[in-house]
PDB file of N, CA and C in Angstrom:
ATOM      1  N   MET A   1      21.632 -19.240   8.128  1.00  0.00           N
ATOM      2  CA  MET A   1      20.699 -18.151   7.907  1.00  0.00           C
ATOM      3  C   MET A   1      21.171 -16.929   8.679  1.00  0.00           C
ATOM      4  N   ALA A   2      21.145 -15.799   8.029  1.00  0.00           N
ATOM      5  CA  ALA A   2      21.616 -14.570   8.655  1.00  0.00           C
ATOM      6  C   ALA A   2      20.616 -14.105   9.709  1.00  0.00           C
ATOM      7  N   GLN A   3      21.148 -13.568  10.765  1.00  0.00           N
ATOM      8  CA  GLN A   3      20.289 -13.023  11.823  1.00  0.00           C
ATOM      9  C   GLN A   3      19.770 -11.665  11.363  1.00  0.00           C
ATOM     10  N   GLY A   4      18.472 -11.467  11.410  1.00  0.00           N
ATOM     11  CA  GLY A   4      17.876 -10.225  10.923  1.00  0.00           C
ATOM     12  C   GLY A   4      17.984  -9.102  11.935  1.00  0.00           C
ATOM     13  N   LYS A   5      18.299  -7.928  11.443  1.00  0.00           N
ATOM     14  CA  LYS A   5      18.321  -6.720  12.262  1.00  0.00           C
ATOM     15  C   LYS A   5      17.574  -5.641  11.503  1.00  0.00           C
ATOM     16  N   THR A   6      16.866  -4.824  12.242  1.00  0.00           N
ATOM     17  CA  THR A   6      16.107  -3.771  11.580  1.00  0.00           C
ATOM     18  C   THR A   6      17.041  -2.692  11.074  1.00  0.00           C
ATOM     19  N   GLY A   7      16.653  -2.053   9.972  1.00  0.00           N
ATOM     20  CA  GLY A   7      17.448  -0.982   9.395  1.00  0.00           C
ATOM     21  C   GLY A   7      17.146   0.347  10.063  1.00  0.00           C
ATOM     22  N   LYS A   8      17.659   1.422   9.483  1.00  0.00           N
ATOM     23  CA  LYS A   8      17.438   2.750  10.040  1.00  0.00           C
ATOM     24  C   LYS A   8      15.978   3.154   9.914  1.00  0.00           C
ATOM     25  N   ILE A   9      15.371   2.830   8.763  1.00  0.00           N
ATOM     26  CA  ILE A   9      13.978   3.169   8.523  1.00  0.00           C
ATOM     27  C   ILE A   9      13.172   1.880   8.595  1.00  0.00           C
ATOM     28  N   ASN A  10      12.013   1.953   9.207  1.00  0.00           N
ATOM     29  CA  ASN A  10      11.160   0.780   9.325  1.00  0.00           C
ATOM     30  C   ASN A  10      10.317   0.647   8.060  1.00  0.00           C
ATOM     31  N   TYR A  11      10.753  -0.181   7.125  1.00  0.00           N
ATOM     32  CA  TYR A  11       9.999  -0.408   5.899  1.00  0.00           C
ATOM     33  C   TYR A  11       9.004  -1.539   6.114  1.00  0.00           C
ATOM     34  N   ARG A  12       7.897  -1.475   5.378  1.00  0.00           N
ATOM     35  CA  ARG A  12       6.912  -2.549   5.362  1.00  0.00           C
ATOM     36  C   ARG A  12       7.150  -3.386   4.111  1.00  0.00           C
ATOM     37  N   CYS A  13       6.844  -4.661   4.185  1.00  0.00           N
ATOM     38  CA  CYS A  13       7.022  -5.539   3.033  1.00  0.00           C
ATOM     39  C   CYS A  13       6.054  -5.122   1.929  1.00  0.00           C
ATOM     40  N   PRO A  14       6.557  -4.781   0.733  1.00  0.00           N
ATOM     41  CA  PRO A  14       5.662  -4.333  -0.335  1.00  0.00           C
ATOM     42  C   PRO A  14       4.733  -5.442  -0.831  1.00  0.00           C
ATOM     43  N   MET A  15       5.195  -6.669  -0.881  1.00  0.00           N
ATOM     44  CA  MET A  15       4.347  -7.766  -1.352  1.00  0.00           C
ATOM     45  C   MET A  15       3.234  -8.069  -0.348  1.00  0.00           C
ATOM     46  N   CYS A  16       3.549  -7.980   0.920  1.00  0.00           N
ATOM     47  CA  CYS A  16       2.512  -8.179   1.938  1.00  0.00           C
ATOM     48  C   CYS A  16       1.517  -7.021   1.911  1.00  0.00           C
ATOM     49  N   LEU A  17       1.986  -5.802   1.637  1.00  0.00           N
ATOM     50  CA  LEU A  17       1.085  -4.653   1.548  1.00  0.00           C
ATOM     51  C   LEU A  17       0.060  -4.832   0.436  1.00  0.00           C
ATOM     52  N   PHE A  18       0.469  -5.423  -0.697  1.00  0.00           N
ATOM     53  CA  PHE A  18      -0.467  -5.661  -1.789  1.00  0.00           C
ATOM     54  C   PHE A  18      -1.571  -6.616  -1.357  1.00  0.00           C
ATOM     55  N   ARG A  19      -1.297  -7.442  -0.362  1.00  0.00           N
ATOM     56  CA  ARG A  19      -2.313  -8.370   0.154  1.00  0.00           C
ATOM     57  C   ARG A  19      -2.929  -7.851   1.450  1.00  0.00           C
ATOM     58  N   THR A  20      -2.782  -6.556   1.707  1.00  0.00           N
ATOM     59  CA  THR A  20      -3.298  -5.859   2.893  1.00  0.00           C
ATOM     60  C   THR A  20      -2.813  -6.479   4.200  1.00  0.00           C
ATOM     61  N   ILE A  21      -1.532  -6.831   4.229  1.00  0.00           N
ATOM     62  CA  ILE A  21      -0.895  -7.319   5.443  1.00  0.00           C
ATOM     63  C   ILE A  21       0.232  -6.342   5.775  1.00  0.00           C
ATOM     64  N   ASP A  22       0.260  -5.868   6.985  1.00  0.00           N
ATOM     65  CA  ASP A  22       1.275  -4.899   7.408  1.00  0.00           C
ATOM     66  C   ASP A  22       2.366  -5.639   8.173  1.00  0.00           C
ATOM     67  N   TYR A  23       3.494  -5.895   7.507  1.00  0.00           N
ATOM     68  CA  TYR A  23       4.560  -6.677   8.111  1.00  0.00           C
ATOM     69  C   TYR A  23       5.897  -5.974   7.890  1.00  0.00           C
ATOM     70  N   ASP A  24       6.682  -5.840   8.936  1.00  0.00           N
ATOM     71  CA  ASP A  24       7.971  -5.149   8.846  1.00  0.00           C
ATOM     72  C   ASP A  24       9.005  -5.979   8.096  1.00  0.00           C
ATOM     73  N   LEU A  25       9.881  -5.273   7.379  1.00  0.00           N
ATOM     74  CA  LEU A  25      11.015  -5.919   6.733  1.00  0.00           C
ATOM     75  C   LEU A  25      12.196  -5.940   7.699  1.00  0.00           C
ATOM     76  N   LEU A  26      13.015  -6.940   7.580  1.00  0.00           N
ATOM     77  CA  LEU A  26      14.250  -7.030   8.345  1.00  0.00           C
ATOM     78  C   LEU A  26      15.407  -6.727   7.413  1.00  0.00           C
ATOM     79  N   TYR A  27      16.547  -6.350   7.983  1.00  0.00           N
ATOM     80  CA  TYR A  27      17.699  -5.939   7.187  1.00  0.00           C
ATOM     81  C   TYR A  27      18.862  -6.882   7.433  1.00  0.00           C
ATOM     82  N   ASP A  28      19.449  -7.371   6.349  1.00  0.00           N
ATOM     83  CA  ASP A  28      20.636  -8.226   6.417  1.00  0.00           C
ATOM     84  C   ASP A  28      21.832  -7.389   5.995  1.00  0.00           C
ATOM     85  N   ARG A  29      22.694  -7.061   6.957  1.00  0.00           N
ATOM     86  CA  ARG A  29      23.856  -6.210   6.664  1.00  0.00           C
ATOM     87  C   ARG A  29      24.836  -6.860   5.702  1.00  0.00           C
ATOM     88  N   ASP A  30      25.053  -8.144   5.841  1.00  0.00           N
ATOM     89  CA  ASP A  30      26.027  -8.827   4.987  1.00  0.00           C
ATOM     90  C   ASP A  30      25.623  -8.782   3.518  1.00  0.00           C
ATOM     91  N   ALA A  31      24.354  -9.009   3.230  1.00  0.00           N
ATOM     92  CA  ALA A  31      23.868  -8.998   1.845  1.00  0.00           C
ATOM     93  C   ALA A  31      23.414  -7.609   1.415  1.00  0.00           C
ATOM     94  N   ASP A  32      23.322  -6.668   2.359  1.00  0.00           N
ATOM     95  CA  ASP A  32      22.845  -5.317   2.104  1.00  0.00           C
ATOM     96  C   ASP A  32      21.462  -5.344   1.440  1.00  0.00           C
ATOM     97  N   GLN A  33      20.577  -6.170   2.006  1.00  0.00           N
ATOM     98  CA  GLN A  33      19.229  -6.309   1.487  1.00  0.00           C
ATOM     99  C   GLN A  33      18.231  -6.381   2.620  1.00  0.00           C
ATOM    100  N   PHE A  34      16.998  -5.992   2.289  1.00  0.00           N
ATOM    101  CA  PHE A  34      15.885  -6.157   3.207  1.00  0.00           C
ATOM    102  C   PHE A  34      15.168  -7.443   2.846  1.00  0.00           C
ATOM    103  N   TYR A  35      14.550  -8.082   3.825  1.00  0.00           N
ATOM    104  CA  TYR A  35      13.807  -9.305   3.543  1.00  0.00           C
ATOM    105  C   TYR A  35      12.623  -9.431   4.487  1.00  0.00           C
ATOM    106  N   CYS A  36      11.660 -10.230   4.049  1.00  0.00           N
ATOM    107  CA  CYS A  36      10.434 -10.444   4.810  1.00  0.00           C
ATOM    108  C   CYS A  36      10.411 -11.893   5.288  1.00  0.00           C
ATOM    109  N   ARG A  37      10.156 -12.083   6.553  1.00  0.00           N
ATOM    110  CA  ARG A  37      10.063 -13.440   7.088  1.00  0.00           C
ATOM    111  C   ARG A  37       8.752 -14.104   6.716  1.00  0.00           C
ATOM    112  N   ARG A  38       7.752 -13.301   6.437  1.00  0.00           N
ATOM    113  CA  ARG A  38       6.432 -13.867   6.185  1.00  0.00           C
ATOM    114  C   ARG A  38       6.298 -14.439   4.779  1.00  0.00           C
ATOM    115  N   CYS A  39       6.727 -13.681   3.774  1.00  0.00           N
ATOM    116  CA  CYS A  39       6.518 -14.115   2.384  1.00  0.00           C
ATOM    117  C   CYS A  39       7.827 -14.406   1.641  1.00  0.00           C
ATOM    118  N   ASN A  40       8.963 -14.278   2.296  1.00  0.00           N
ATOM    119  CA  ASN A  40      10.285 -14.549   1.724  1.00  0.00           C
ATOM    120  C   ASN A  40      10.687 -13.580   0.619  1.00  0.00           C
ATOM    121  N   TRP A  41      10.074 -12.385   0.565  1.00  0.00           N
ATOM    122  CA  TRP A  41      10.481 -11.372  -0.407  1.00  0.00           C
ATOM    123  C   TRP A  41      11.795 -10.771   0.064  1.00  0.00           C
ATOM    124  N   GLU A  42      12.678 -10.446  -0.871  1.00  0.00           N
ATOM    125  CA  GLU A  42      13.911  -9.735  -0.525  1.00  0.00           C
ATOM    126  C   GLU A  42      14.267  -8.773  -1.642  1.00  0.00           C
ATOM    127  N   GLY A  43      14.891  -7.666  -1.256  1.00  0.00           N
ATOM    128  CA  GLY A  43      15.280  -6.660  -2.229  1.00  0.00           C
ATOM    129  C   GLY A  43      15.964  -5.491  -1.543  1.00  0.00           C
ATOM    130  N   ASN A  44      16.499  -4.596  -2.365  1.00  0.00           N
ATOM    131  CA  ASN A  44      17.182  -3.426  -1.812  1.00  0.00           C
ATOM    132  C   ASN A  44      16.195  -2.282  -1.635  1.00  0.00           C
ATOM    133  N   GLU A  45      16.708  -1.145  -1.169  1.00  0.00           N
ATOM    134  CA  GLU A  45      15.857   0.001  -0.865  1.00  0.00           C
ATOM    135  C   GLU A  45      15.167   0.550  -2.114  1.00  0.00           C
ATOM    136  N   MET A  46      15.855   0.538  -3.251  1.00  0.00           N
ATOM    137  CA  MET A  46      15.263   1.037  -4.493  1.00  0.00           C
ATOM    138  C   MET A  46      14.084   0.168  -4.933  1.00  0.00           C
ATOM    139  N   ALA A  47      14.183  -1.139  -4.748  1.00  0.00           N
ATOM    140  CA  ALA A  47      13.074  -2.036  -5.099  1.00  0.00           C
ATOM    141  C   ALA A  47      11.866  -1.772  -4.206  1.00  0.00           C
ATOM    142  N   ILE A  48      12.129  -1.524  -2.930  1.00  0.00           N
ATOM    143  CA  ILE A  48      11.044  -1.231  -1.984  1.00  0.00           C
ATOM    144  C   ILE A  48      10.322   0.050  -2.398  1.00  0.00           C
ATOM    145  N   LEU A  49      11.082   1.103  -2.673  1.00  0.00           N
ATOM    146  CA  LEU A  49      10.485   2.391  -3.014  1.00  0.00           C
ATOM    147  C   LEU A  49       9.725   2.336  -4.336  1.00  0.00           C
ATOM    148  N   SER A  50      10.215   1.554  -5.311  1.00  0.00           N
ATOM    149  CA  SER A  50       9.495   1.452  -6.579  1.00  0.00           C
ATOM    150  C   SER A  50       8.182   0.694  -6.396  1.00  0.00           C
ATOM    151  N   LEU A  51       8.166  -0.326  -5.555  1.00  0.00           N
ATOM    152  CA  LEU A  51       6.916  -1.044  -5.286  1.00  0.00           C
ATOM    153  C   LEU A  51       5.960  -0.199  -4.449  1.00  0.00           C
ATOM    154  N   TYR A  52       6.497   0.656  -3.583  1.00  0.00           N
ATOM    155  CA  TYR A  52       5.637   1.581  -2.831  1.00  0.00           C
ATOM    156  C   TYR A  52       4.908   2.535  -3.779  1.00  0.00           C
ATOM    157  N   ARG A  53       5.604   2.987  -4.844  1.00  0.00           N
ATOM    158  CA  ARG A  53       4.972   3.885  -5.817  1.00  0.00           C
ATOM    159  C   ARG A  53       3.791   3.190  -6.497  1.00  0.00           C
ATOM    160  N   VAL A  54       3.967   1.934  -6.849  1.00  0.00           N
ATOM    161  CA  VAL A  54       2.879   1.170  -7.468  1.00  0.00           C
ATOM    162  C   VAL A  54       1.722   1.027  -6.485  1.00  0.00           C
ATOM    163  N   TYR A  55       2.030   0.770  -5.228  1.00  0.00           N
ATOM    164  CA  TYR A  55       1.005   0.622  -4.198  1.00  0.00           C
ATOM    165  C   TYR A  55       0.217   1.915  -4.009  1.00  0.00           C
ATOM    166  N   LYS A  56       0.902   3.039  -4.019  1.00  0.00           N
ATOM    167  CA  LYS A  56       0.240   4.333  -3.821  1.00  0.00           C
ATOM    168  C   LYS A  56      -0.674   4.686  -4.987  1.00  0.00           C
ATOM    169  N   GLN A  57      -0.375   4.195  -6.194  1.00  0.00           N
ATOM    170  CA  GLN A  57      -1.240   4.464  -7.344  1.00  0.00           C
ATOM    171  C   GLN A  57      -2.583   3.764  -7.203  1.00  0.00           C
ATOM    172  N   GLN A  58      -2.617   2.678  -6.456  1.00  0.00           N
ATOM    173  CA  GLN A  58      -3.873   1.961  -6.259  1.00  0.00           C
ATOM    174  C   GLN A  58      -4.819   2.722  -5.334  1.00  0.00           C
ATOM    175  N   TYR A  59      -4.276   3.565  -4.492  1.00  0.00           N
ATOM    176  CA  TYR A  59      -5.069   4.295  -3.510  1.00  0.00           C
ATOM    177  C   TYR A  59      -4.782   5.793  -3.608  1.00  0.00           C
ATOM    178  N   PRO A  60      -5.280   6.467  -4.663  1.00  0.00           N
ATOM    179  CA  PRO A  60      -4.935   7.873  -4.851  1.00  0.00           C
ATOM    180  C   PRO A  60      -5.516   8.789  -3.769  1.00  0.00           C
ATOM    181  N   ASP A  61      -6.619   8.392  -3.142  1.00  0.00           N
ATOM    182  CA  ASP A  61      -7.251   9.239  -2.132  1.00  0.00           C
ATOM    183  C   ASP A  61      -6.938   8.775  -0.718  1.00  0.00           C
ATOM    184  N   MET A  62      -5.837   8.057  -0.541  1.00  0.00           N
ATOM    185  CA  MET A  62      -5.509   7.502   0.764  1.00  0.00           C
ATOM    186  C   MET A  62      -5.326   8.593   1.818  1.00  0.00           C
ATOM    187  N   LEU A  63      -4.750   9.705   1.449  1.00  0.00           N
ATOM    188  CA  LEU A  63      -4.470  10.754   2.425  1.00  0.00           C
ATOM    189  C   LEU A  63      -5.552  11.832   2.472  1.00  0.00           C
ATOM    190  N   LYS A  64      -6.615  11.663   1.675  1.00  0.00           N
ATOM    191  CA  LYS A  64      -7.704  12.642   1.668  1.00  0.00           C
ATOM    192  C   LYS A  64      -8.648  12.361   2.826  1.00  0.00           C
ATOM    193  N   ARG A  65      -9.045  13.395   3.491  1.00  0.00           N
ATOM    194  CA  ARG A  65     -10.009  13.258   4.582  1.00  0.00           C
ATOM    195  C   ARG A  65     -11.403  13.494   4.028  1.00  0.00           C
ATOM    196  N   TRP A  66     -12.244  12.473   4.095  1.00  0.00           N
ATOM    197  CA  TRP A  66     -13.596  12.545   3.564  1.00  0.00           C
ATOM    198  C   TRP A  66     -14.555  13.014   4.653  1.00  0.00           C
ATOM    199  N   THR A  67     -15.447  13.930   4.299  1.00  0.00           N
ATOM    200  CA  THR A  67     -16.485  14.366   5.232  1.00  0.00           C
ATOM    201  C   THR A  67     -17.716  13.486   5.025  1.00  0.00           C
ATOM    202  N   VAL A  68     -18.627  13.514   5.982  1.00  0.00           N
ATOM    203  CA  VAL A  68     -19.847  12.717   5.883  1.00  0.00           C
ATOM    204  C   VAL A  68     -20.660  13.159   4.671  1.00  0.00           C
ATOM    205  N   GLU A  69     -20.715  14.459   4.405  1.00  0.00           N
ATOM    206  CA  GLU A  69     -21.483  14.975   3.276  1.00  0.00           C
ATOM    207  C   GLU A  69     -20.924  14.457   1.951  1.00  0.00           C
ATOM    208  N   GLU A  70     -19.595  14.407   1.819  1.00  0.00           N
ATOM    209  CA  GLU A  70     -18.983  13.910   0.590  1.00  0.00           C
ATOM    210  C   GLU A  70     -19.284  12.423   0.383  1.00  0.00           C
ATOM    211  N   ILE A  71     -19.248  11.655   1.455  1.00  0.00           N
ATOM    212  CA  ILE A  71     -19.541  10.224   1.356  1.00  0.00           C
ATOM    213  C   ILE A  71     -20.995  10.004   0.969  1.00  0.00           C
ATOM    214  N   LEU A  72     -21.911  10.742   1.601  1.00  0.00           N
ATOM    215  CA  LEU A  72     -23.327  10.594   1.274  1.00  0.00           C
ATOM    216  C   LEU A  72     -23.616  11.024  -0.161  1.00  0.00           C
ATOM    217  N   ALA A  73     -22.975  12.103  -0.613  1.00  0.00           N
ATOM    218  CA  ALA A  73     -23.170  12.560  -1.989  1.00  0.00           C
ATOM    219  C   ALA A  73     -22.650  11.519  -2.979  1.00  0.00           C
ATOM    220  N   LYS A  74     -21.540  10.892  -2.668  1.00  0.00           N
ATOM    221  CA  LYS A  74     -20.985   9.858  -3.543  1.00  0.00           C
ATOM    222  C   LYS A  74     -21.907   8.640  -3.589  1.00  0.00           C
ATOM    223  N   ASN A  75     -22.491   8.275  -2.450  1.00  0.00           N
ATOM    224  CA  ASN A  75     -23.421   7.150  -2.407  1.00  0.00           C
ATOM    225  C   ASN A  75     -24.688   7.446  -3.200  1.00  0.00           C
ATOM    226  N   GLU A  76     -25.179   8.693  -3.132  1.00  0.00           N
ATOM    227  CA  GLU A  76     -26.376   9.064  -3.882  1.00  0.00           C
ATOM    228  C   GLU A  76     -26.119   9.009  -5.381  1.00  0.00           C
ATOM    229  N   GLU A  77     -24.926   9.407  -5.813  1.00  0.00           N
ATOM    230  CA  GLU A  77     -24.579   9.332  -7.239  1.00  0.00           C
ATOM    231  C   GLU A  77     -24.578   7.889  -7.709  1.00  0.00           C
ATOM    232  N   ALA A  78     -24.072   6.989  -6.898  1.00  0.00           N
ATOM    233  CA  ALA A  78     -24.004   5.579  -7.274  1.00  0.00           C
ATOM    234  C   ALA A  78     -25.384   4.945  -7.289  1.00  0.00           C
ATOM    235  N   ASP A  79     -26.308   5.448  -6.480  1.00  0.00           N
ATOM    236  CA  ASP A  79     -27.654   4.888  -6.403  1.00  0.00           C
ATOM    237  C   ASP A  79     -28.617   5.464  -7.437  1.00  0.00           C
ATOM    238  N   THR A  80     -28.187   6.463  -8.212  1.00  0.00           N
ATOM    239  CA  THR A  80     -29.059   7.086  -9.208  1.00  0.00           C
ATOM    240  C   THR A  80     -29.358   6.077 -10.308  1.00  0.00           C
ATOM    241  N   PRO A  81     -30.637   5.774 -10.565  1.00  0.00           N
ATOM    242  CA  PRO A  81     -30.974   4.787 -11.612  1.00  0.00           C
ATOM    243  C   PRO A  81     -30.633   5.306 -13.001  1.00  0.00           C
ATOM    244  N   GLY A  82     -30.210   4.397 -13.857  1.00  0.00           N
ATOM    245  CA  GLY A  82     -29.904   4.764 -15.240  1.00  0.00           C
ATOM    246  C   GLY A  82     -28.484   5.238 -15.461  1.00  0.00           C
ATOM    247  N   THR A  83     -27.696   5.331 -14.403  1.00  0.00           N
ATOM    248  CA  THR A  83     -26.295   5.729 -14.566  1.00  0.00           C
ATOM    249  C   THR A  83     -25.419   4.610 -14.029  1.00  0.00           C
ATOM    250  N   PRO A  84     -24.291   4.368 -14.675  1.00  0.00           N
ATOM    251  CA  PRO A  84     -23.380   3.350 -14.160  1.00  0.00           C
ATOM    252  C   PRO A  84     -22.856   3.731 -12.783  1.00  0.00           C
ATOM    253  N   ALA A  85     -22.489   2.742 -11.998  1.00  0.00           N
ATOM    254  CA  ALA A  85     -21.982   3.000 -10.642  1.00  0.00           C
ATOM    255  C   ALA A  85     -20.775   3.905 -10.691  1.00  0.00           C
ATOM    256  N   GLY A  86     -20.775   4.924  -9.851  1.00  0.00           N
ATOM    257  CA  GLY A  86     -19.660   5.845  -9.778  1.00  0.00           C
ATOM    258  C   GLY A  86     -19.716   6.968 -10.803  1.00  0.00           C
ATOM    259  N   LYS A  87     -20.652   6.899 -11.746  1.00  0.00           N
ATOM    260  CA  LYS A  87     -20.763   7.945 -12.778  1.00  0.00           C
ATOM    261  C   LYS A  87     -21.988   8.789 -12.477  1.00  0.00           C
ATOM    262  N   GLY A  88     -21.779   9.965 -12.015  1.00  0.00           N
ATOM    263  CA  GLY A  88     -22.885  10.874 -11.698  1.00  0.00           C
ATOM    264  C   GLY A  88     -23.330  11.621 -12.927  1.00  0.00           C
ATOM    265  N   PRO A  89     -24.372  12.416 -12.776  1.00  0.00           N
ATOM    266  CA  PRO A  89     -24.833  13.234 -13.905  1.00  0.00           C
ATOM    267  C   PRO A  89     -23.787  14.251 -14.293  1.00  0.00           C
ATOM    268  N   SER A  90     -23.656  14.492 -15.588  1.00  0.00           N
ATOM    269  CA  SER A  90     -22.628  15.424 -16.069  1.00  0.00           C
ATOM    270  C   SER A  90     -23.076  16.840 -15.963  1.00  0.00           C
TER     271      SER A  90
END
Protein backbone atom coordinates (compact mmCIF):
# COMPACT_ATOMS: atom_id res chain seq x y z
CA MET A 1 0.00 0.00 0.00
CA ALA A 2 1.34 3.39 -0.95
CA GLN A 3 2.13 5.83 1.81
CA GLY A 4 -0.24 8.80 1.55
CA LYS A 5 1.05 12.34 1.34
CA THR A 6 -1.03 15.46 1.11
CA GLY A 7 -1.04 17.37 -2.16
CA LYS A 8 -0.52 21.08 -2.75
CA ILE A 9 -4.20 21.85 -2.23
CA ASN A 10 -6.16 20.32 0.62
CA TYR A 11 -9.12 18.68 -1.13
CA ARG A 12 -12.06 17.15 0.73
CA CYS A 13 -13.43 13.76 -0.29
CA PRO A 14 -16.41 14.46 -2.59
CA MET A 15 -18.22 11.23 -1.68
CA CYS A 16 -17.88 11.93 2.03
CA LEU A 17 -19.11 15.50 1.44
CA PHE A 18 -22.33 14.12 -0.08
CA ARG A 19 -22.86 12.34 3.24
CA THR A 20 -21.99 15.53 5.20
CA ILE A 21 -18.64 14.21 6.37
CA ASP A 22 -15.63 16.50 6.05
CA TYR A 23 -12.61 14.29 5.38
CA ASP A 24 -9.32 15.21 3.69
CA LEU A 25 -8.06 13.39 0.62
CA LEU A 26 -4.54 12.02 0.50
CA TYR A 27 -2.32 12.11 -2.58
CA ASP A 28 -0.45 9.16 -4.08
CA ARG A 29 2.42 10.48 -6.20
CA ASP A 30 3.13 7.17 -7.91
CA ALA A 31 -0.44 6.76 -9.20
CA ASP A 32 -0.96 10.54 -9.54
CA GLN A 33 -4.33 10.20 -7.80
CA PHE A 34 -6.09 11.40 -4.70
CA TYR A 35 -7.74 8.89 -2.40
CA CYS A 36 -9.84 8.77 0.75
CA ARG A 37 -8.98 6.49 3.63
CA ARG A 38 -12.50 6.62 4.98
CA CYS A 39 -14.60 5.54 2.00
CA ASN A 40 -11.91 4.21 -0.41
CA TRP A 41 -12.81 6.74 -3.14
CA GLU A 42 -9.99 7.57 -5.55
CA GLY A 43 -9.70 9.86 -8.54
CA ASN A 44 -7.75 12.65 -10.18
CA GLU A 45 -8.15 16.39 -9.73
CA MET A 46 -10.66 16.71 -12.60
CA ALA A 47 -12.94 14.09 -11.00
CA ILE A 48 -12.79 15.96 -7.69
CA LEU A 49 -13.67 19.30 -9.28
CA SER A 50 -16.56 17.83 -11.30
CA LEU A 51 -18.05 16.26 -8.16
CA TYR A 52 -17.58 19.56 -6.30
CA ARG A 53 -19.73 21.24 -9.00
CA VAL A 54 -22.51 18.72 -8.39
CA TYR A 55 -22.21 19.29 -4.63
CA LYS A 56 -22.45 23.07 -5.02
CA GLN A 57 -25.67 22.73 -7.06
CA GLN A 58 -27.32 21.11 -4.06
CA TYR A 59 -26.64 24.19 -1.93
CA PRO A 60 -27.13 27.28 -4.12
CA ASP A 61 -27.42 29.65 -1.14
CA MET A 62 -24.42 28.27 0.74
CA LEU A 63 -22.47 31.52 0.54
CA LYS A 64 -25.47 33.82 1.11
CA ARG A 65 -25.68 35.52 4.47
CA TRP A 66 -29.23 35.35 5.78
CA THR A 67 -30.57 38.04 8.11
CA VAL A 68 -33.03 37.29 10.91
CA GLU A 69 -35.76 39.21 9.05
CA GLU A 70 -35.28 37.10 5.90
CA ILE A 71 -35.47 33.86 7.89
CA LEU A 72 -38.61 34.97 9.74
CA ALA A 73 -40.25 36.10 6.49
CA LYS A 74 -39.46 32.74 4.89
CA ASN A 75 -40.94 30.90 7.89
CA GLU A 76 -44.12 33.01 7.73
CA GLU A 77 -44.54 32.16 4.03
CA ALA A 78 -44.26 28.46 4.81
CA ASP A 79 -46.79 28.73 7.65
CA THR A 80 -49.44 30.50 5.53
CA PRO A 81 -52.49 28.18 5.32
CA GLY A 82 -53.68 27.14 1.88
CA THR A 83 -50.29 27.47 0.21
CA PRO A 84 -47.77 24.70 -0.32
CA ALA A 85 -44.64 24.85 1.82
CA GLY A 86 -42.11 27.28 0.43
CA LYS A 87 -44.63 28.85 -1.98
CA GLY A 88 -45.62 32.31 -0.86
CA PRO A 89 -48.37 34.48 -2.27
CA SER A 90 -47.70 35.65 -5.81
